[in-house]
N, C-alpha and C. Protein backbone atom coordinates (compact mmCIF):
# COMPACT_ATOMS: atom_id res chain seq x y z
N MET A 1 -73.71 85.37 -58.98
CA MET A 1 -74.94 86.12 -58.93
C MET A 1 -74.63 87.60 -58.73
N LYS A 2 -75.30 88.41 -59.50
CA LYS A 2 -75.04 89.85 -59.41
C LYS A 2 -75.85 90.46 -58.28
N SER A 3 -75.28 91.46 -57.69
CA SER A 3 -76.01 92.16 -56.64
C SER A 3 -76.78 93.33 -57.25
N ASP A 4 -77.63 93.94 -56.45
CA ASP A 4 -78.41 95.08 -56.92
C ASP A 4 -77.51 96.26 -57.28
N ILE A 5 -76.40 96.37 -56.60
CA ILE A 5 -75.47 97.47 -56.88
C ILE A 5 -74.87 97.31 -58.27
N ASP A 6 -74.52 96.09 -58.65
CA ASP A 6 -73.98 95.86 -59.98
C ASP A 6 -74.99 96.24 -61.06
N ASN A 7 -76.26 95.90 -60.87
CA ASN A 7 -77.30 96.27 -61.84
C ASN A 7 -77.42 97.79 -61.92
N TYR A 8 -77.36 98.46 -60.78
CA TYR A 8 -77.44 99.91 -60.75
C TYR A 8 -76.28 100.54 -61.52
N ILE A 9 -75.08 100.02 -61.29
CA ILE A 9 -73.90 100.57 -61.97
C ILE A 9 -74.01 100.35 -63.48
N GLU A 10 -74.44 99.15 -63.90
CA GLU A 10 -74.59 98.89 -65.33
C GLU A 10 -75.65 99.79 -65.96
N ASN A 11 -76.78 99.96 -65.29
CA ASN A 11 -77.84 100.81 -65.82
C ASN A 11 -77.39 102.27 -65.88
N ASN A 12 -76.68 102.70 -64.86
CA ASN A 12 -76.18 104.06 -64.84
C ASN A 12 -75.18 104.28 -65.97
N HIS A 13 -74.30 103.31 -66.17
CA HIS A 13 -73.31 103.39 -67.25
C HIS A 13 -74.02 103.46 -68.61
N GLN A 14 -75.01 102.63 -68.81
CA GLN A 14 -75.77 102.61 -70.06
C GLN A 14 -76.49 103.94 -70.25
N ASN A 15 -77.06 104.47 -69.20
CA ASN A 15 -77.78 105.73 -69.26
C ASN A 15 -76.82 106.87 -69.64
N ASN A 16 -75.63 106.90 -69.04
CA ASN A 16 -74.63 107.91 -69.38
C ASN A 16 -74.21 107.78 -70.83
N PHE A 17 -74.04 106.56 -71.31
CA PHE A 17 -73.65 106.33 -72.70
C PHE A 17 -74.71 106.86 -73.65
N GLU A 18 -75.99 106.59 -73.33
CA GLU A 18 -77.08 107.07 -74.18
C GLU A 18 -77.15 108.59 -74.19
N LYS A 19 -76.93 109.22 -73.02
CA LYS A 19 -76.91 110.68 -72.95
C LYS A 19 -75.77 111.26 -73.78
N GLU A 20 -74.62 110.62 -73.70
CA GLU A 20 -73.46 111.09 -74.47
C GLU A 20 -73.71 110.94 -75.97
N GLU A 21 -74.29 109.82 -76.37
CA GLU A 21 -74.63 109.64 -77.79
C GLU A 21 -75.62 110.70 -78.26
N ALA A 22 -76.63 110.98 -77.45
CA ALA A 22 -77.62 111.99 -77.81
C ALA A 22 -76.97 113.36 -77.92
N TYR A 23 -76.05 113.65 -77.01
CA TYR A 23 -75.33 114.92 -77.06
C TYR A 23 -74.50 115.04 -78.33
N ILE A 24 -73.81 113.98 -78.71
CA ILE A 24 -72.99 114.00 -79.92
C ILE A 24 -73.85 114.18 -81.16
N ARG A 25 -74.98 113.48 -81.23
CA ARG A 25 -75.90 113.65 -82.37
C ARG A 25 -76.43 115.07 -82.44
N ALA A 26 -76.82 115.63 -81.30
CA ALA A 26 -77.35 117.00 -81.27
C ALA A 26 -76.27 118.00 -81.67
N LYS A 27 -75.04 117.78 -81.21
CA LYS A 27 -73.96 118.69 -81.56
C LYS A 27 -73.68 118.66 -83.06
N LYS A 28 -73.69 117.47 -83.67
CA LYS A 28 -73.47 117.35 -85.11
C LYS A 28 -74.59 118.04 -85.88
N LYS A 29 -75.83 117.90 -85.41
CA LYS A 29 -76.96 118.55 -86.07
C LYS A 29 -76.81 120.07 -86.01
N VAL A 30 -76.41 120.59 -84.85
CA VAL A 30 -76.22 122.04 -84.70
C VAL A 30 -75.08 122.51 -85.61
N GLU A 31 -74.02 121.74 -85.71
CA GLU A 31 -72.91 122.11 -86.60
C GLU A 31 -73.37 122.15 -88.05
N LYS A 32 -74.22 121.22 -88.46
CA LYS A 32 -74.76 121.23 -89.82
C LYS A 32 -75.62 122.46 -90.05
N ILE A 33 -76.42 122.82 -89.06
CA ILE A 33 -77.28 124.01 -89.20
C ILE A 33 -76.44 125.27 -89.30
N VAL A 34 -75.42 125.38 -88.45
CA VAL A 34 -74.52 126.54 -88.51
C VAL A 34 -73.81 126.59 -89.86
N GLY A 35 -73.37 125.45 -90.37
CA GLY A 35 -72.74 125.39 -91.68
C GLY A 35 -73.67 125.86 -92.78
N PHE A 36 -74.94 125.47 -92.70
CA PHE A 36 -75.90 125.93 -93.69
C PHE A 36 -76.07 127.45 -93.62
N TYR A 37 -76.21 127.99 -92.40
CA TYR A 37 -76.39 129.44 -92.27
C TYR A 37 -75.19 130.21 -92.80
N TRP A 38 -73.98 129.69 -92.55
CA TRP A 38 -72.79 130.34 -93.12
C TRP A 38 -72.80 130.27 -94.64
N HIS A 39 -73.16 129.13 -95.18
CA HIS A 39 -73.25 128.96 -96.62
C HIS A 39 -74.26 129.96 -97.20
N PHE A 40 -75.40 130.10 -96.55
CA PHE A 40 -76.44 131.01 -97.02
C PHE A 40 -75.98 132.47 -96.93
N ALA A 41 -75.30 132.84 -95.85
CA ALA A 41 -74.80 134.21 -95.70
C ALA A 41 -73.77 134.53 -96.77
N ILE A 42 -72.87 133.61 -97.04
CA ILE A 42 -71.87 133.81 -98.10
C ILE A 42 -72.56 133.91 -99.45
N TYR A 43 -73.57 133.10 -99.68
CA TYR A 43 -74.35 133.14 -100.92
C TYR A 43 -74.93 134.53 -101.13
N ILE A 44 -75.53 135.10 -100.10
CA ILE A 44 -76.14 136.43 -100.21
C ILE A 44 -75.08 137.49 -100.54
N VAL A 45 -74.02 137.53 -99.76
CA VAL A 45 -73.00 138.56 -99.94
C VAL A 45 -72.32 138.45 -101.30
N VAL A 46 -71.88 137.26 -101.65
CA VAL A 46 -71.15 137.08 -102.91
C VAL A 46 -72.06 137.37 -104.11
N ASN A 47 -73.31 136.92 -104.05
CA ASN A 47 -74.18 137.14 -105.19
C ASN A 47 -74.61 138.58 -105.36
N ILE A 48 -74.76 139.31 -104.27
CA ILE A 48 -75.03 140.76 -104.40
C ILE A 48 -73.86 141.42 -105.08
N PHE A 49 -72.65 141.10 -104.64
CA PHE A 49 -71.45 141.66 -105.26
C PHE A 49 -71.37 141.28 -106.74
N LEU A 50 -71.56 140.01 -107.06
CA LEU A 50 -71.47 139.57 -108.45
C LEU A 50 -72.55 140.20 -109.33
N MET A 51 -73.75 140.30 -108.81
CA MET A 51 -74.83 140.88 -109.60
C MET A 51 -74.55 142.35 -109.91
N ILE A 52 -74.05 143.07 -108.94
CA ILE A 52 -73.71 144.48 -109.16
C ILE A 52 -72.58 144.59 -110.17
N MET A 53 -71.56 143.76 -110.03
CA MET A 53 -70.43 143.82 -110.96
C MET A 53 -70.85 143.44 -112.38
N ILE A 54 -71.58 142.36 -112.52
CA ILE A 54 -72.00 141.93 -113.86
C ILE A 54 -72.92 142.96 -114.49
N TYR A 55 -73.83 143.50 -113.73
CA TYR A 55 -74.77 144.49 -114.25
C TYR A 55 -74.04 145.76 -114.68
N SER A 56 -73.10 146.22 -113.86
CA SER A 56 -72.42 147.48 -114.18
C SER A 56 -71.39 147.32 -115.30
N LYS A 57 -70.74 146.18 -115.42
CA LYS A 57 -69.67 146.00 -116.42
C LYS A 57 -70.17 145.46 -117.76
N SER A 58 -71.25 144.68 -117.77
CA SER A 58 -71.64 144.03 -119.02
C SER A 58 -72.58 144.86 -119.88
N GLY A 59 -73.26 145.79 -119.29
CA GLY A 59 -74.22 146.58 -120.05
C GLY A 59 -75.53 145.83 -120.31
N GLU A 60 -75.66 144.66 -119.73
CA GLU A 60 -76.89 143.88 -119.87
C GLU A 60 -77.97 144.49 -118.98
N PRO A 61 -79.25 144.31 -119.36
CA PRO A 61 -80.31 144.76 -118.46
C PRO A 61 -80.27 143.98 -117.14
N PHE A 62 -80.78 144.60 -116.09
CA PHE A 62 -80.69 143.98 -114.76
C PHE A 62 -81.40 142.64 -114.71
N TRP A 63 -82.49 142.47 -115.41
CA TRP A 63 -83.27 141.22 -115.36
C TRP A 63 -82.82 140.21 -116.41
N SER A 64 -81.62 140.35 -116.94
CA SER A 64 -81.12 139.40 -117.93
C SER A 64 -80.56 138.14 -117.25
N PHE A 65 -80.43 137.09 -118.05
CA PHE A 65 -79.91 135.82 -117.54
C PHE A 65 -78.47 135.95 -117.08
N ALA A 66 -77.68 136.81 -117.74
CA ALA A 66 -76.28 136.98 -117.38
C ALA A 66 -76.14 137.46 -115.93
N VAL A 67 -77.02 138.32 -115.50
CA VAL A 67 -76.96 138.87 -114.15
C VAL A 67 -77.45 137.84 -113.12
N TRP A 68 -78.46 137.07 -113.47
CA TRP A 68 -79.11 136.19 -112.51
C TRP A 68 -78.67 134.72 -112.59
N SER A 69 -77.77 134.37 -113.50
CA SER A 69 -77.41 132.96 -113.66
C SER A 69 -76.69 132.39 -112.44
N THR A 70 -75.73 133.10 -111.90
CA THR A 70 -75.00 132.58 -110.74
C THR A 70 -75.91 132.42 -109.52
N PRO A 71 -76.72 133.44 -109.18
CA PRO A 71 -77.64 133.23 -108.04
C PRO A 71 -78.63 132.09 -108.28
N LEU A 72 -79.06 131.90 -109.50
CA LEU A 72 -80.01 130.84 -109.80
C LEU A 72 -79.40 129.46 -109.57
N PHE A 73 -78.26 129.20 -110.18
CA PHE A 73 -77.67 127.87 -110.06
C PHE A 73 -77.09 127.61 -108.67
N TRP A 74 -76.49 128.62 -108.07
CA TRP A 74 -76.00 128.46 -106.71
C TRP A 74 -77.19 128.30 -105.75
N GLY A 75 -78.30 128.97 -106.05
CA GLY A 75 -79.51 128.84 -105.25
C GLY A 75 -80.05 127.42 -105.27
N ILE A 76 -79.94 126.75 -106.41
CA ILE A 76 -80.35 125.35 -106.48
C ILE A 76 -79.48 124.52 -105.53
N GLY A 77 -78.19 124.80 -105.51
CA GLY A 77 -77.29 124.12 -104.59
C GLY A 77 -77.63 124.42 -103.14
N ILE A 78 -77.99 125.67 -102.85
CA ILE A 78 -78.41 126.04 -101.49
C ILE A 78 -79.67 125.26 -101.11
N GLY A 79 -80.57 125.09 -102.07
CA GLY A 79 -81.79 124.33 -101.80
C GLY A 79 -81.49 122.89 -101.42
N PHE A 80 -80.55 122.26 -102.14
CA PHE A 80 -80.16 120.90 -101.80
C PHE A 80 -79.45 120.84 -100.45
N HIS A 81 -78.64 121.85 -100.15
CA HIS A 81 -77.98 121.90 -98.84
C HIS A 81 -79.04 122.02 -97.74
N PHE A 82 -80.05 122.87 -97.97
CA PHE A 82 -81.15 123.02 -97.02
C PHE A 82 -81.84 121.69 -96.76
N LEU A 83 -82.16 120.97 -97.85
CA LEU A 83 -82.82 119.67 -97.68
C LEU A 83 -81.93 118.67 -96.96
N GLY A 84 -80.62 118.74 -97.21
CA GLY A 84 -79.70 117.85 -96.52
C GLY A 84 -79.61 118.12 -95.03
N VAL A 85 -79.76 119.38 -94.65
CA VAL A 85 -79.65 119.73 -93.23
C VAL A 85 -80.98 119.56 -92.51
N PHE A 86 -82.05 120.11 -93.08
CA PHE A 86 -83.33 120.11 -92.40
C PHE A 86 -84.24 118.96 -92.81
N GLY A 87 -83.93 118.32 -93.91
CA GLY A 87 -84.73 117.19 -94.37
C GLY A 87 -86.02 117.62 -95.04
N THR A 88 -86.71 116.64 -95.56
CA THR A 88 -87.95 116.93 -96.28
C THR A 88 -89.12 117.13 -95.33
N ASP A 89 -88.94 116.82 -94.05
CA ASP A 89 -90.01 117.00 -93.07
C ASP A 89 -90.15 118.45 -92.62
N PHE A 90 -89.30 119.33 -93.12
CA PHE A 90 -89.31 120.71 -92.66
C PHE A 90 -90.65 121.38 -92.91
N LEU A 91 -91.20 121.21 -94.10
CA LEU A 91 -92.45 121.87 -94.43
C LEU A 91 -93.65 121.19 -93.81
N PHE A 92 -93.72 119.89 -93.91
CA PHE A 92 -94.89 119.17 -93.44
C PHE A 92 -94.70 118.56 -92.06
N GLY A 93 -93.51 118.26 -91.67
CA GLY A 93 -93.25 117.71 -90.36
C GLY A 93 -93.74 116.29 -90.22
N LYS A 94 -93.45 115.74 -89.08
CA LYS A 94 -93.87 114.37 -88.81
C LYS A 94 -95.35 114.35 -88.46
N ASN A 95 -96.01 113.32 -88.93
CA ASN A 95 -97.44 113.12 -88.66
C ASN A 95 -98.32 114.26 -89.20
N TRP A 96 -97.86 114.97 -90.20
CA TRP A 96 -98.61 116.09 -90.76
C TRP A 96 -99.95 115.62 -91.32
N GLU A 97 -99.92 114.53 -92.07
CA GLU A 97 -101.15 114.04 -92.68
C GLU A 97 -102.18 113.67 -91.62
N GLU A 98 -101.74 112.99 -90.57
CA GLU A 98 -102.67 112.59 -89.52
C GLU A 98 -103.28 113.80 -88.84
N ARG A 99 -102.47 114.81 -88.57
CA ARG A 99 -103.00 116.03 -87.93
C ARG A 99 -104.01 116.73 -88.82
N LYS A 100 -103.73 116.80 -90.11
CA LYS A 100 -104.65 117.46 -91.04
C LYS A 100 -105.96 116.68 -91.15
N ILE A 101 -105.88 115.35 -91.23
CA ILE A 101 -107.09 114.53 -91.31
C ILE A 101 -107.94 114.74 -90.05
N GLU A 102 -107.28 114.72 -88.90
CA GLU A 102 -108.01 114.92 -87.64
C GLU A 102 -108.63 116.32 -87.60
N LYS A 103 -107.91 117.31 -88.08
CA LYS A 103 -108.43 118.69 -88.09
C LYS A 103 -109.69 118.78 -88.94
N TYR A 104 -109.65 118.22 -90.14
CA TYR A 104 -110.81 118.30 -91.02
C TYR A 104 -111.97 117.45 -90.52
N MET A 105 -111.67 116.33 -89.88
CA MET A 105 -112.74 115.52 -89.31
C MET A 105 -113.42 116.27 -88.16
N ASN A 106 -112.63 116.94 -87.31
CA ASN A 106 -113.20 117.73 -86.22
C ASN A 106 -114.00 118.91 -86.75
N LYS A 107 -113.50 119.52 -87.81
CA LYS A 107 -114.21 120.65 -88.42
C LYS A 107 -115.55 120.20 -88.98
N GLU A 108 -115.57 119.05 -89.65
CA GLU A 108 -116.81 118.52 -90.21
C GLU A 108 -117.77 118.14 -89.09
N LYS A 109 -117.23 117.57 -88.02
CA LYS A 109 -118.07 117.18 -86.88
C LYS A 109 -118.70 118.42 -86.23
N ASP A 110 -117.94 119.51 -86.12
CA ASP A 110 -118.45 120.74 -85.52
C ASP A 110 -119.50 121.41 -86.39
N ASN A 111 -119.35 121.29 -87.71
CA ASN A 111 -120.27 121.94 -88.63
C ASN A 111 -121.53 121.11 -88.88
N LYS A 112 -121.53 119.87 -88.51
CA LYS A 112 -122.67 119.00 -88.75
C LYS A 112 -123.77 119.29 -87.74
N ARG A 113 -124.96 119.47 -88.25
CA ARG A 113 -126.10 119.76 -87.37
C ARG A 113 -126.97 118.53 -87.28
N TRP A 114 -127.12 118.07 -86.07
CA TRP A 114 -127.97 116.89 -85.84
C TRP A 114 -129.40 117.35 -85.61
N GLU A 115 -130.30 116.72 -86.29
CA GLU A 115 -131.72 117.10 -86.13
C GLU A 115 -132.49 116.05 -85.42
């Protein structure tokens, strides 16, 4: 038969394990976010340099495809990296639909005049 102390030790051990797991998940998420920001910073710097070089050396107009092709295609890759890090819930978030439905129902309720 286990004593109360044994249950306390097991629960404490489990609690520490869960905290450590949460810490590891949070640390990995932060590392992914930092990696995205570095990727985005490099994207900005390199593409400004490339656009200036292509524009000055090729004689093409600034708004031509030759000048903007690298930022365009690399930008698509940045977009996928963004979705991989922040997920599709970034814009709408969790429970977005429910919040919007509740908002519009409350708005309609407030605007309704009972006679």
